[in-house]
Amino acid sequence: KKIKFEWGDKQEAVFQLLKQKLCSAPIFALPEGSKDFIVYCDASNKGLGAVLMQREKVILYASRQLKIHEKNYTTHDLELGAVVCTLKT
């Protein structure tokens, strides 16, 4: 590739901000009303996870490891399990 990699003040500032955000404790917001909620769910061969957000603010994180019998589930079943687990939380 003939594109030169550049690291300037702008890139350094963004890197430092990301580092600070990743290393600080998550801040949870309180729900405001009962609208505009979004749930993000995901599954892997290790566990299930979800984030409840409202207006781009984190309200709740949830995760758990897979049970022994769940490690044999298909990807589709794990993804569905993440949704079900989240709705039960």
C-alpha atoms as a PDB file:
ATOM      1  CA  LYS A   1       0.000   0.000   0.000  1.00  0.00           C
ATOM      2  CA  LYS A   2       1.261   3.427  -0.840  1.00  0.00           C
ATOM      3  CA  ILE A   3      -0.824   5.288   1.726  1.00  0.00           C
ATOM      4  CA  LYS A   4       1.319   6.905   4.393  1.00  0.00           C
ATOM      5  CA  PHE A   5       0.237   6.324   7.987  1.00  0.00           C
ATOM      6  CA  GLU A   6      -0.020   9.591   9.881  1.00  0.00           C
ATOM      7  CA  TRP A   7      -0.372  10.097  13.621  1.00  0.00           C
ATOM      8  CA  GLY A   8      -1.005  13.699  14.558  1.00  0.00           C
ATOM      9  CA  ASP A   9      -2.601  15.692  17.351  1.00  0.00           C
ATOM     10  CA  LYS A  10      -6.139  14.769  16.267  1.00  0.00           C
ATOM     11  CA  GLN A  11      -5.417  11.025  16.265  1.00  0.00           C
ATOM     12  CA  GLU A  12      -3.633  11.266  19.624  1.00  0.00           C
ATOM     13  CA  ALA A  13      -6.557  13.142  21.190  1.00  0.00           C
ATOM     14  CA  VAL A  14      -9.075  10.547  19.987  1.00  0.00           C
ATOM     15  CA  PHE A  15      -6.817   7.708  21.169  1.00  0.00           C
ATOM     16  CA  GLN A  16      -6.494   9.253  24.642  1.00  0.00           C
ATOM     17  CA  LEU A  17     -10.270   9.756  24.859  1.00  0.00           C
ATOM     18  CA  LEU A  18     -10.924   6.129  23.881  1.00  0.00           C
ATOM     19  CA  LYS A  19      -8.342   4.908  26.377  1.00  0.00           C
ATOM     20  CA  GLN A  20      -9.919   6.983  29.140  1.00  0.00           C
ATOM     21  CA  LYS A  21     -13.436   5.732  28.300  1.00  0.00           C
ATOM     22  CA  LEU A  22     -12.333   2.085  28.170  1.00  0.00           C
ATOM     23  CA  CYS A  23     -10.439   2.296  31.461  1.00  0.00           C
ATOM     24  CA  SER A  24     -13.071   4.121  33.507  1.00  0.00           C
ATOM     25  CA  ALA A  25     -16.035   2.555  35.244  1.00  0.00           C
ATOM     26  CA  PRO A  26     -19.223   2.521  33.193  1.00  0.00           C
ATOM     27  CA  ILE A  27     -21.747   5.180  34.096  1.00  0.00           C
ATOM     28  CA  PHE A  28     -25.364   4.097  34.096  1.00  0.00           C
ATOM     29  CA  ALA A  29     -28.203   6.478  33.342  1.00  0.00           C
ATOM     30  CA  LEU A  30     -31.612   6.355  34.954  1.00  0.00           C
ATOM     31  CA  PRO A  31     -34.509   5.663  32.598  1.00  0.00           C
ATOM     32  CA  GLU A  32     -36.474   8.711  31.495  1.00  0.00           C
ATOM     33  CA  GLY A  33     -40.072   7.762  30.832  1.00  0.00           C
ATOM     34  CA  SER A  34     -41.035   4.540  29.097  1.00  0.00           C
ATOM     35  CA  LYS A  35     -40.119   5.248  25.453  1.00  0.00           C
ATOM     36  CA  ASP A  36     -37.099   5.016  23.171  1.00  0.00           C
ATOM     37  CA  PHE A  37     -35.557   1.883  24.695  1.00  0.00           C
ATOM     38  CA  ILE A  38     -33.242  -0.251  22.573  1.00  0.00           C
ATOM     39  CA  VAL A  39     -31.929  -3.683  23.543  1.00  0.00           C
ATOM     40  CA  TYR A  40     -28.756  -5.046  21.960  1.00  0.00           C
ATOM     41  CA  CYS A  41     -28.200  -8.788  22.413  1.00  0.00           C
ATOM     42  CA  ASP A  42     -25.326 -11.013  21.399  1.00  0.00           C
ATOM     43  CA  ALA A  43     -24.096 -14.535  21.937  1.00  0.00           C
ATOM     44  CA  SER A  44     -20.808 -16.335  21.544  1.00  0.00           C
ATOM     45  CA  ASN A  45     -19.451 -19.775  22.327  1.00  0.00           C
ATOM     46  CA  LYS A  46     -18.577 -18.406  25.790  1.00  0.00           C
ATOM     47  CA  GLY A  47     -21.702 -16.559  26.915  1.00  0.00           C
ATOM     48  CA  LEU A  48     -24.714 -14.337  26.370  1.00  0.00           C
ATOM     49  CA  GLY A  49     -24.817 -10.588  26.734  1.00  0.00           C
ATOM     50  CA  ALA A  50     -27.086  -7.599  26.368  1.00  0.00           C
ATOM     51  CA  VAL A  51     -27.188  -3.841  26.778  1.00  0.00           C
ATOM     52  CA  LEU A  52     -30.344  -1.850  27.481  1.00  0.00           C
ATOM     53  CA  MET A  53     -30.070   1.712  26.189  1.00  0.00           C
ATOM     54  CA  GLN A  54     -32.291   4.755  26.053  1.00  0.00           C
ATOM     55  CA  ARG A  55     -31.393   7.751  23.895  1.00  0.00           C
ATOM     56  CA  GLU A  56     -27.806   6.486  23.476  1.00  0.00           C
ATOM     57  CA  LYS A  57     -27.268   6.149  27.256  1.00  0.00           C
ATOM     58  CA  VAL A  58     -26.593   2.813  28.940  1.00  0.00           C
ATOM     59  CA  ILE A  59     -29.287   1.825  31.412  1.00  0.00           C
ATOM     60  CA  LEU A  60     -28.185  -1.757  32.094  1.00  0.00           C
ATOM     61  CA  TYR A  61     -25.578  -4.340  31.117  1.00  0.00           C
ATOM     62  CA  ALA A  62     -26.350  -8.046  31.474  1.00  0.00           C
ATOM     63  CA  SER A  63     -24.239 -11.104  30.732  1.00  0.00           C
ATOM     64  CA  ARG A  64     -23.706 -14.678  31.785  1.00  0.00           C
ATOM     65  CA  GLN A  65     -21.593 -17.672  30.875  1.00  0.00           C
ATOM     66  CA  LEU A  66     -23.069 -20.524  28.885  1.00  0.00           C
ATOM     67  CA  LYS A  67     -24.256 -23.555  30.802  1.00  0.00           C
ATOM     68  CA  ILE A  68     -22.599 -26.841  29.857  1.00  0.00           C
ATOM     69  CA  HIS A  69     -25.505 -28.074  27.724  1.00  0.00           C
ATOM     70  CA  GLU A  70     -25.776 -24.694  25.944  1.00  0.00           C
ATOM     71  CA  LYS A  71     -22.254 -25.043  24.545  1.00  0.00           C
ATOM     72  CA  ASN A  72     -23.699 -27.505  21.998  1.00  0.00           C
ATOM     73  CA  TYR A  73     -26.365 -25.080  20.753  1.00  0.00           C
ATOM     74  CA  THR A  74     -26.313 -23.728  17.215  1.00  0.00           C
ATOM     75  CA  THR A  75     -25.550 -20.050  16.619  1.00  0.00           C
ATOM     76  CA  HIS A  76     -29.229 -19.392  15.907  1.00  0.00           C
ATOM     77  CA  ASP A  77     -30.285 -20.978  19.194  1.00  0.00           C
ATOM     78  CA  LEU A  78     -27.634 -19.059  21.142  1.00  0.00           C
ATOM     79  CA  GLU A  79     -28.755 -15.752  19.631  1.00  0.00           C
ATOM     80  CA  LEU A  80     -32.366 -16.555  20.484  1.00  0.00           C
ATOM     81  CA  GLY A  81     -31.236 -17.580  23.973  1.00  0.00           C
ATOM     82  CA  ALA A  82     -29.596 -14.179  24.404  1.00  0.00           C
ATOM     83  CA  VAL A  83     -32.896 -12.478  23.561  1.00  0.00           C
ATOM     84  CA  VAL A  84     -34.884 -14.710  25.932  1.00  0.00           C
ATOM     85  CA  CYS A  85     -32.326 -14.284  28.724  1.00  0.00           C
ATOM     86  CA  THR A  86     -32.414 -10.516  28.261  1.00  0.00           C
ATOM     87  CA  LEU A  87     -36.199 -10.329  28.376  1.00  0.00           C
ATOM     88  CA  LYS A  88     -36.185 -12.338  31.619  1.00  0.00           C
ATOM     89  CA  THR A  89     -33.731  -9.906  33.240  1.00  0.00           C
END
